[in-house]
Protein backbone atom coordinates (compact mmCIF):
# COMPACT_ATOMS: atom_id res chain seq x y z
CA MET A 1 0.00 0.00 0.00
CA LYS A 2 2.75 2.42 0.98
CA GLU A 3 4.73 1.59 -2.17
CA SER A 4 1.76 2.23 -4.45
CA SER A 5 1.05 5.49 -2.60
CA ASP A 6 4.67 6.58 -3.06
CA ILE A 7 4.48 5.83 -6.78
CA ARG A 8 1.22 7.75 -7.11
CA GLY A 9 2.70 10.68 -5.19
CA TRP A 10 5.71 10.88 -7.50
CA ILE A 11 3.48 10.63 -10.60
CA VAL A 12 1.44 13.57 -9.33
CA THR A 13 4.61 15.49 -8.44
CA PHE A 14 6.26 15.17 -11.84
CA SER A 15 2.97 15.73 -13.71
CA GLY A 16 2.70 19.01 -11.81
CA THR A 17 6.28 19.82 -12.82
CA ALA A 18 5.45 19.12 -16.48
CA ILE A 19 2.38 21.37 -16.37
CA ASN A 20 4.47 24.17 -14.89
CA LEU A 21 7.05 23.72 -17.64
CA ALA A 22 4.29 24.70 -20.08
CA LEU A 23 2.72 27.42 -17.93
CA GLY A 24 6.15 28.99 -17.45
CA VAL A 25 5.60 30.77 -20.78
CA LEU A 26 5.07 33.78 -18.50
CA TYR A 27 8.84 33.98 -18.05
CA SER A 28 9.44 34.27 -21.78
CA TRP A 29 8.01 37.76 -21.72
CA SER A 30 11.32 39.59 -21.56
CA ILE A 31 12.24 38.03 -24.94
CA ILE A 32 8.88 38.99 -26.44
CA ALA A 33 9.01 42.48 -24.91
CA LYS A 34 12.45 43.13 -26.38
CA SER A 35 11.12 42.33 -29.86
CA MET A 36 8.07 44.54 -29.31
CA LYS A 37 10.30 47.55 -28.61
CA VAL A 38 12.11 47.20 -31.94
CA PRO A 39 11.00 49.99 -34.35
CA VAL A 40 8.27 49.11 -36.84
CA SER A 41 10.70 49.80 -39.68
CA ASP A 42 12.89 46.97 -38.37
CA GLY A 43 10.08 44.45 -37.95
CA GLY A 44 9.03 45.24 -34.37
CA TRP A 45 6.09 47.15 -32.93
CA GLY A 46 7.85 50.23 -31.57
CA TRP A 47 6.29 49.91 -28.10
CA SER A 48 7.61 51.86 -25.11
CA ALA A 49 9.01 50.12 -22.03
CA THR A 50 5.80 50.84 -20.13
CA GLN A 51 3.65 49.40 -22.94
CA THR A 52 5.69 46.20 -23.08
CA GLN A 53 5.35 45.69 -19.33
CA LEU A 54 1.57 46.19 -19.27
CA PRO A 55 0.46 42.74 -20.56
CA TYR A 56 3.08 41.07 -18.32
CA ALA A 57 1.98 43.04 -15.25
CA VAL A 58 -1.70 42.28 -15.93
CA ALA A 59 -0.85 38.60 -16.38
CA CYS A 60 0.94 38.54 -13.01
CA GLY A 61 -1.96 40.29 -11.29
CA VAL A 62 -4.66 38.11 -12.84
CA PHE A 63 -2.53 35.00 -12.19
CA ALA A 64 -2.38 35.84 -8.48
CA ILE A 65 -6.06 36.74 -8.12
CA MET A 66 -7.14 33.61 -9.97
CA MET A 67 -5.02 31.51 -7.61
CA VAL A 68 -7.55 32.22 -4.83
CA PHE A 69 -10.53 30.97 -6.83
CA ALA A 70 -8.52 28.19 -8.45
CA GLY A 71 -7.25 27.00 -5.09
CA ARG A 72 -10.79 26.80 -3.72
CA ALA A 73 -12.01 25.09 -6.88
CA GLN A 74 -9.30 22.43 -6.83
CA ASP A 75 -9.94 21.81 -3.12
CA LYS A 76 -13.61 21.20 -3.99
CA PHE A 77 -13.60 19.64 -7.46
CA GLY A 78 -10.12 18.16 -7.63
CA PRO A 79 -6.96 19.33 -9.43
CA ARG A 80 -7.48 17.47 -12.72
CA ILE A 81 -10.52 19.44 -13.88
CA VAL A 82 -9.18 22.82 -12.79
CA ALA A 83 -5.73 22.24 -14.33
CA SER A 84 -7.31 21.12 -17.63
CA ILE A 85 -9.35 24.32 -17.86
CA GLY A 86 -6.24 26.31 -16.97
CA GLY A 87 -4.15 24.72 -19.71
CA ALA A 88 -6.84 25.31 -22.32
CA LEU A 89 -7.33 28.94 -21.27
CA THR A 90 -3.57 29.61 -21.36
CA GLY A 91 -3.26 28.28 -24.89
CA LEU A 92 -6.32 30.18 -26.14
CA GLY A 93 -5.03 33.35 -24.49
CA LEU A 94 -1.76 33.19 -26.38
CA MET A 95 -3.73 32.72 -29.60
CA VAL A 96 -5.78 35.84 -28.85
CA ALA A 97 -2.54 37.75 -28.13
CA SER A 98 -1.48 36.94 -31.69
CA LEU A 99 -4.06 39.51 -32.87
CA ALA A 100 -2.10 42.39 -31.28
CA SER A 101 -0.07 44.79 -33.40
CA ALA A 102 2.07 47.94 -33.32
CA ASN A 103 -1.05 50.08 -32.84
CA ASN A 104 -3.09 47.64 -30.78
CA VAL A 105 -2.08 46.81 -27.21
CA PHE A 106 -5.59 45.59 -26.32
CA TYR A 107 -5.31 42.04 -27.65
CA ALA A 108 -1.97 41.50 -25.94
CA VAL A 109 -3.47 42.63 -22.62
CA LEU A 110 -6.64 40.56 -23.13
CA GLY A 111 -4.94 37.44 -24.46
CA PHE A 112 -1.65 37.27 -22.59
CA GLY A 113 -2.61 39.41 -19.60
CA VAL A 114 -6.17 38.34 -18.77
CA MET A 115 -6.78 34.96 -20.44
CA ALA A 116 -3.31 33.41 -20.18
CA GLY A 117 -2.86 34.98 -16.73
CA ALA A 118 -6.09 33.35 -15.55
CA GLY A 119 -5.17 30.03 -17.17
CA ILE A 120 -1.73 30.02 -15.57
CA GLY A 121 -3.34 30.71 -12.20
CA LEU A 122 -5.76 27.80 -12.60
CA GLY A 123 -3.01 25.39 -13.63
CA TYR A 124 -0.39 26.54 -11.13
CA ALA A 125 -2.87 26.40 -8.23
CA SER A 126 -3.68 22.79 -9.08
CA ALA A 127 -0.12 21.48 -9.39
CA THR A 128 1.48 21.89 -5.95
CA PRO A 129 -1.31 21.14 -3.38
CA PRO A 130 -2.08 17.58 -4.56
CA ALA A 131 1.62 16.71 -4.68
CA ILE A 132 2.24 17.96 -1.13
CA LYS A 133 -0.73 15.96 0.19
CA TRP A 134 0.87 12.65 -0.84
CA PHE A 135 4.00 13.22 1.29
CA PRO A 136 4.81 13.72 5.01
CA PRO A 137 5.53 17.22 6.42
CA ALA A 138 9.30 16.59 6.45
CA LYS A 139 9.24 16.52 2.63
CA LYS A 140 6.96 19.52 2.01
CA GLY A 141 9.82 21.83 1.09
CA LEU A 142 11.44 19.39 -1.33
CA ILE A 143 8.17 18.42 -3.04
CA SER A 144 7.05 22.04 -3.36
CA GLY A 145 10.45 22.87 -4.84
CA LEU A 146 10.29 20.08 -7.41
CA VAL A 147 6.80 21.00 -8.63
CA VAL A 148 7.37 24.75 -8.91
CA ALA A 149 10.84 24.19 -10.39
CA GLY A 150 9.10 23.40 -13.67
CA PHE A 151 7.70 26.92 -13.84
CA GLY A 152 11.11 28.49 -13.30
CA LEU A 153 12.90 26.05 -15.57
CA ALA A 154 10.55 26.79 -18.46
CA SER A 155 12.64 29.69 -19.72
CA VAL A 156 15.55 27.33 -20.39
CA TYR A 157 13.76 26.11 -23.49
CA ILE A 158 11.10 28.81 -23.96
CA ALA A 159 13.60 31.67 -24.24
CA PRO A 160 15.63 30.22 -27.14
CA LEU A 161 12.48 28.73 -28.68
CA THR A 162 10.71 32.09 -28.58
CA THR A 163 13.77 33.85 -30.02
CA MET A 164 13.92 31.34 -32.89
CA LEU A 165 10.18 31.56 -33.59
CA ILE A 166 10.14 35.37 -33.59
CA LYS A 167 13.13 35.49 -35.91
CA GLY A 168 11.53 33.09 -38.39
CA ASN A 169 7.82 33.87 -38.02
CA GLY A 170 7.36 37.24 -36.34
CA ILE A 171 5.68 38.07 -33.05
CA ASN A 172 2.09 37.29 -34.06
CA LYS A 173 2.67 33.80 -35.38
CA THR A 174 4.93 33.04 -32.40
CA PHE A 175 2.04 33.67 -30.02
CA LEU A 176 -0.16 31.39 -32.13
CA LEU A 177 2.35 28.53 -32.25
CA LEU A 178 3.17 28.68 -28.53
CA GLY A 179 -0.51 28.74 -27.64
CA SER A 180 -1.29 25.66 -29.73
CA VAL A 181 1.52 23.57 -28.23
CA PHE A 182 1.02 24.56 -24.61
CA LEU A 183 -2.72 23.95 -24.76
CA VAL A 184 -2.19 20.32 -25.76
CA VAL A 185 0.72 19.58 -23.41
CA SER A 186 -0.78 21.07 -20.25
CA VAL A 187 -4.19 19.44 -20.74
CA ILE A 188 -2.60 16.00 -21.23
CA PHE A 189 -0.52 16.14 -18.04
CA ALA A 190 -3.45 17.56 -16.07
CA GLN A 191 -5.12 14.16 -16.34
CA PHE A 192 -2.52 12.67 -13.96
CA LEU A 193 -3.21 15.08 -11.08
CA LYS A 194 -5.09 13.46 -8.20
CA ASN A 195 -5.60 14.11 -4.48
CA PRO A 196 -5.04 11.29 -1.97
CA PRO A 197 -8.15 9.42 -0.81
CA ALA A 198 -10.07 10.79 2.18
CA GLY A 199 -8.36 9.95 5.45
CA TYR A 200 -4.98 9.30 3.82
CA VAL A 201 -2.06 9.93 6.19
CA PRO A 202 1.47 9.77 4.70
CA MET A 203 3.96 7.72 6.69
CA GLU A 204 6.97 9.53 8.13
CA LYS A 205 10.16 8.21 9.70
CA GLN A 206 11.02 9.37 13.18
CA SER A 207 13.49 12.24 13.13
CA LYS A 208 15.54 14.17 15.65
CA LYS A 209 15.92 17.24 13.45
CA LYS A 210 15.98 20.65 15.09
CA THR A 211 14.42 23.71 13.54
CA ASP A 212 14.51 27.44 14.20
CA GLY A 213 11.12 27.50 15.90
CA THR A 214 9.40 28.86 12.81
CA THR A 215 8.61 25.45 11.30
CA PRO A 216 5.97 23.66 13.40
CA PRO A 217 5.38 19.97 13.99
CA PRO A 218 2.49 18.37 12.05
CA LYS A 219 -0.78 20.11 13.01
CA LYS A 220 -4.02 18.29 13.73
CA TYR A 221 -6.13 21.36 12.99
CA ASP A 222 -6.56 22.70 9.45
CA TYR A 223 -7.39 26.38 9.14
CA ASP A 224 -9.96 27.38 6.57
CA TRP A 225 -9.37 30.60 4.68
CA HIS A 226 -11.38 32.98 6.88
CA GLU A 227 -9.69 31.63 10.03
CA MET A 228 -6.29 32.07 8.40
CA LEU A 229 -7.10 35.70 7.60
CA LYS A 230 -7.54 36.35 11.34
CA THR A 231 -3.93 35.43 12.08
CA ARG A 232 -1.05 37.89 12.03
CA GLN A 233 1.12 35.20 10.43
CA PHE A 234 -0.86 35.43 7.18
CA TYR A 235 -0.15 39.16 6.84
CA LEU A 236 3.51 38.80 7.73
CA LEU A 237 3.93 36.07 5.09
CA TRP A 238 2.03 38.23 2.58
CA ILE A 239 4.28 41.24 3.14
CA MET A 240 7.49 39.23 2.80
CA PHE A 241 6.28 37.42 -0.31
CA ALA A 242 5.17 40.65 -2.00
CA LEU A 243 8.42 42.50 -1.36
CA GLY A 244 10.64 39.58 -2.35
CA SER A 245 8.64 38.82 -5.51
CA ALA A 246 8.78 42.41 -6.75
CA ALA A 247 12.58 42.26 -6.90
CA GLY A 248 12.73 39.02 -8.83
CA LEU A 249 9.91 39.82 -11.23
CA LEU A 250 11.16 43.26 -12.23
CA THR A 251 14.50 41.62 -13.11
CA ILE A 252 12.89 38.79 -15.07
CA GLY A 253 10.59 41.14 -16.98
CA SER A 254 13.43 43.47 -17.98
CA LEU A 255 16.44 41.15 -18.18
CA ALA A 256 16.66 40.81 -21.96
CA THR A 257 16.52 44.59 -22.37
CA ILE A 258 19.13 45.14 -19.63
CA VAL A 259 21.55 42.61 -21.13
CA SER A 260 21.07 43.93 -24.67
CA THR A 261 21.67 47.52 -23.53
CA LYS A 262 24.78 46.59 -21.53
CA ILE A 263 26.33 44.67 -24.43
CA ALA A 264 25.24 46.68 -27.47
CA GLY A 265 24.87 50.14 -25.94
CA ALA A 266 23.81 52.61 -28.61
CA SER A 267 25.44 50.65 -31.43
CA THR A 268 23.48 50.11 -34.65
CA ASP A 269 25.95 47.63 -36.09
CA ALA A 270 24.12 44.45 -37.12
CA ALA A 271 26.84 42.14 -35.81
CA VAL A 272 26.88 43.83 -32.40
CA LEU A 273 23.08 43.70 -32.16
CA ALA A 274 23.07 40.03 -33.12
CA GLU A 275 25.66 39.28 -30.42
CA ALA A 276 23.59 41.18 -27.87
CA ALA A 277 20.45 39.25 -28.85
CA LYS A 278 22.30 35.94 -28.49
CA TRP A 279 23.51 36.78 -25.00
CA SER A 280 20.10 38.13 -23.98
CA SER A 281 18.47 34.81 -24.79
CA LEU A 282 21.24 32.80 -23.17
CA ILE A 283 21.28 34.80 -19.92
CA VAL A 284 17.48 34.59 -19.62
CA ALA A 285 17.86 30.79 -19.86
CA ILE A 286 20.68 30.82 -17.29
CA LEU A 287 18.51 32.79 -14.86
CA ALA A 288 15.76 30.22 -15.42
CA ILE A 289 18.08 27.36 -14.43
CA ALA A 290 19.09 29.26 -11.29
CA ASN A 291 15.42 30.02 -10.63
CA ALA A 292 14.52 26.32 -10.77
CA SER A 293 17.58 25.32 -8.73
CA GLY A 294 16.68 27.82 -6.01
CA ARG A 295 13.23 26.23 -5.68
CA VAL A 296 14.57 22.72 -5.17
CA ILE A 297 17.63 23.57 -3.05
CA ALA A 298 15.89 26.09 -0.80
CA GLY A 299 12.96 23.72 -0.37
CA PHE A 300 15.30 20.93 0.67
CA PHE A 301 17.28 23.06 3.12
CA SER A 302 14.14 24.57 4.63
CA ASP A 303 13.14 21.03 5.63
CA LEU A 304 16.40 20.90 7.60
CA ILE A 305 16.89 24.37 9.09
CA GLY A 306 13.41 25.90 9.04
CA ARG A 307 11.37 27.87 6.51
CA VAL A 308 11.65 31.40 7.89
CA ARG A 309 15.36 31.12 8.64
CA THR A 310 15.86 30.16 4.99
CA MET A 311 13.68 33.08 3.86
CA ARG A 312 15.71 35.49 5.97
CA LEU A 313 18.96 34.42 4.31
CA VAL A 314 17.38 34.71 0.87
CA PHE A 315 16.07 38.24 1.51
CA PHE A 316 19.42 39.56 2.75
CA TYR A 317 21.21 37.92 -0.16
CA GLN A 318 18.74 39.34 -2.69
CA ALA A 319 19.10 42.87 -1.27
CA VAL A 320 22.83 42.76 -1.99
CA CYS A 321 22.20 41.42 -5.49
CA MET A 322 19.70 44.20 -6.26
CA LEU A 323 22.21 46.87 -5.23
CA VAL A 324 24.99 45.40 -7.34
CA PHE A 325 23.07 44.35 -10.46
CA PRO A 326 22.82 47.78 -12.22
CA GLU A 327 26.60 48.14 -11.98
CA LEU A 328 27.35 44.88 -13.79
CA GLY A 329 28.87 45.70 -17.16
CA THR A 330 30.46 42.56 -18.58
CA VAL A 331 28.92 39.34 -19.81
CA THR A 332 30.62 37.34 -17.05
CA PHE A 333 29.23 39.51 -14.27
CA LEU A 334 25.79 39.69 -15.90
CA VAL A 335 25.70 35.89 -15.94
CA LEU A 336 26.74 35.68 -12.29
CA GLY A 337 24.28 38.38 -11.26
CA SER A 338 21.44 36.65 -13.08
CA ILE A 339 22.29 33.35 -11.38
CA PHE A 340 22.18 34.92 -7.91
CA VAL A 341 18.97 36.90 -8.52
CA GLY A 342 17.26 33.91 -10.13
CA PHE A 343 18.25 31.54 -7.32
CA ASN A 344 16.92 33.89 -4.62
CA TYR A 345 13.66 34.55 -6.44
CA GLY A 346 13.09 30.85 -7.12
CA ALA A 347 13.68 29.99 -3.47
CA LEU A 348 10.63 32.03 -2.46
CA LEU A 349 8.34 30.01 -4.72
CA ALA A 350 9.21 26.84 -2.80
CA LEU A 351 9.31 28.36 0.69
CA PHE A 352 5.92 30.06 0.79
CA PRO A 353 3.64 27.16 -0.25
CA SER A 354 5.38 24.79 2.16
CA THR A 355 5.22 27.39 4.96
CA THR A 356 1.51 27.92 4.28
CA GLY A 357 0.98 24.16 4.61
CA ASP A 358 3.03 24.06 7.81
CA TYR A 359 1.26 26.97 9.46
CA PHE A 360 -2.33 26.40 8.37
CA GLY A 361 -2.59 22.71 7.40
CA THR A 362 -2.97 20.97 4.02
CA LYS A 363 -6.72 20.28 3.88
CA ASN A 364 -7.48 23.76 2.53
CA LEU A 365 -4.02 24.42 1.12
CA GLY A 366 -5.31 25.31 -2.34
CA VAL A 367 -7.37 28.33 -1.29
CA ASN A 368 -5.08 29.26 1.62
CA TYR A 369 -1.97 29.40 -0.55
CA GLY A 370 -4.01 31.14 -3.22
CA LEU A 371 -4.62 33.99 -0.78
CA VAL A 372 -0.96 34.09 0.23
CA PHE A 373 -0.04 34.05 -3.47
CA THR A 374 -1.90 37.32 -4.09
CA ALA A 375 1.27 38.84 -2.63
CA TRP A 376 3.18 37.51 -5.63
CA GLY A 377 0.62 39.19 -7.87
CA PHE A 378 1.18 42.51 -6.12
CA GLY A 379 4.93 42.09 -6.63
CA GLY A 380 4.34 41.13 -10.27
CA VAL A 381 2.40 44.33 -10.94
CA PHE A 382 4.42 46.71 -8.78
CA GLY A 383 7.92 45.53 -9.73
CA PRO A 384 7.72 45.48 -13.57
CA VAL A 385 5.52 48.60 -13.86
CA MET A 386 7.79 50.54 -11.51
CA ALA A 387 10.81 49.41 -13.51
CA GLY A 388 9.20 50.39 -16.84
CA MET A 389 8.17 53.84 -15.60
CA ILE A 390 11.58 54.55 -14.08
CA ARG A 391 13.31 53.39 -17.27
CA ASP A 392 11.09 55.65 -19.43
CA ALA A 393 11.68 58.61 -17.10
CA THR A 394 15.40 58.24 -16.43
CA GLY A 395 16.69 56.01 -19.21
CA SER A 396 17.97 53.50 -16.63
CA PHE A 397 16.68 50.73 -14.34
CA SER A 398 19.13 51.64 -11.54
CA LEU A 399 16.67 53.41 -9.23
CA ALA A 400 14.20 50.52 -9.54
CA PHE A 401 16.88 48.07 -8.37
CA GLN A 402 17.83 50.33 -5.46
CA ILE A 403 14.20 50.52 -4.33
CA SER A 404 13.95 46.74 -4.60
CA ALA A 405 17.05 46.30 -2.45
CA ALA A 406 15.45 48.38 0.30
CA LEU A 407 12.23 46.35 0.09
CA CYS A 408 14.16 43.08 0.41
CA LEU A 409 15.79 44.40 3.57
CA VAL A 410 12.35 45.24 4.97
CA ALA A 411 11.23 41.66 4.20
CA ALA A 412 14.29 40.30 6.01
CA LEU A 413 13.43 42.39 9.09
CA VAL A 414 9.82 41.19 9.02
CA SER A 415 11.06 37.59 9.13
CA PHE A 416 12.43 38.18 12.63
CA VAL A 417 8.90 38.64 14.01
CA THR A 418 7.30 35.81 12.03
CA LYS A 419 6.63 32.84 14.30
CA VAL A 420 4.52 29.69 14.21
CA PRO A 421 0.83 30.29 15.06
CA LYS A 422 0.35 29.40 18.72
CA GLY A 423 -2.53 27.02 19.31
CA ALA A 424 -5.63 27.60 17.23
CA LEU A 425 -7.87 30.56 16.57
CA ILE A 426 -10.33 31.80 19.18
CA GLY A 427 -13.52 29.84 18.76
CA SER A 428 -11.92 27.03 16.75
CA PRO A 429 -12.44 23.36 17.68
CA VAL A 430 -8.85 23.04 18.93
CA GLU A 431 -8.91 26.20 21.01
CA LYS A 432 -12.09 25.08 22.73
CA GLU A 433 -10.56 21.75 23.71
CA GLN A 434 -9.61 21.71 27.39
CA VAL A 435 -7.34 19.42 29.34
CA SER A 436 -8.06 18.68 32.99
CA ILE A 437 -5.01 18.42 35.28
CA ASP A 438 -5.50 17.90 39.06
CA ARG A 439 -8.39 20.33 39.52
CA GLY A 440 -7.12 22.99 37.21
CA MET A 441 -7.82 23.75 33.59
CA ILE A 442 -5.19 24.46 30.95
CA ILE A 443 -6.60 26.12 27.88
CA LEU A 444 -4.59 25.47 24.75
CA ASP A 445 -3.89 29.15 24.08
CA GLY A 446 -1.46 29.10 27.02
CA SER A 447 -3.62 30.75 29.70
CA SER A 448 -4.68 28.87 32.86
CA ALA A 449 -7.52 28.84 35.38
CA SER A 450 -8.05 26.93 38.62
């Protein structure tokens, strides 16, 4: 029985990874945006930096909002149905985006921003929760990391694929081709997603591991979403996730432009521009590998040393990277900077779902993490739009990176006051439970009466 459950758990885990590999088309946007900014006379659309960031920012915002409804839906109806709808909507959204043009931003916002953003939210929300439910708490970080690694790793193949398709077919047909392929792939793998049967309890070996006090032992009580919203821990997690995500997402959304500008400068020489384009695509892929690696490695280490302690290290590390990144001027340093930024950003995408499961239980993990994930949506809107506006106003992304560094430091400071929820909420079944000792009463919130 245990062996068959383990096999099923791993099938669900890697099916979720495969779905995220398709849904990770979101991270190809910096390649698409760079092509959109090329003048119309040279085959592009002549869009401004702010225009190119609008569909991406809308997609991030819709993605995050949809995660709440998608999480609740997959908790109720199961992940297979919700993920299938998500895959189909993502593919159709990319097809609608193919109707955009130099003078028409609307279809890009509707197709990529609204439709694909909603589809990605539906699919992403359905991939991680069922995988986590098949495994014991000591593996939550690792399993979360493996599933979400697919989303980060997607740019490894999507970036060069998108570059090749745009070069040979133009922007419009590229949207159409990507949409057709991702619709089919994501819907097929969605059929393998399945929650454990009712009453299933994963077996766990006894362990003597120590944590930092921010990762709790397995909880018997599962918070529903409105109970979770009454805890201070939810808001502390939300703030940290939002601030950390903004830094990573503004870098991802602008990376191809940053690299191209650093390498080519104001040159109009065809050979120089071609070299810059090659490195832009390659460095986006390198960041994607670091992004995926951060999800798996941070998830694994958070199982050993604690979630919030790992977050704290990531936030401090990312603050330094944000300060340094605008000053990087050579290909070697741009590669190293992208690796560090990508690793830190990816780490967050493994740490927050596993922490949500630790703090509030796994029964309602879909909707609970969906609410926590709205923080990522805030970061996805704030970071890229801020970067685009600052670039248009100053001609440089430097100030945006400096602001992001300060926000990462704030997130690191918040981590020092983020602790495991004590007991259960007032009025919850666990809080009401009383234990009689001698003639006294000990109420589980820590107070006593005699």
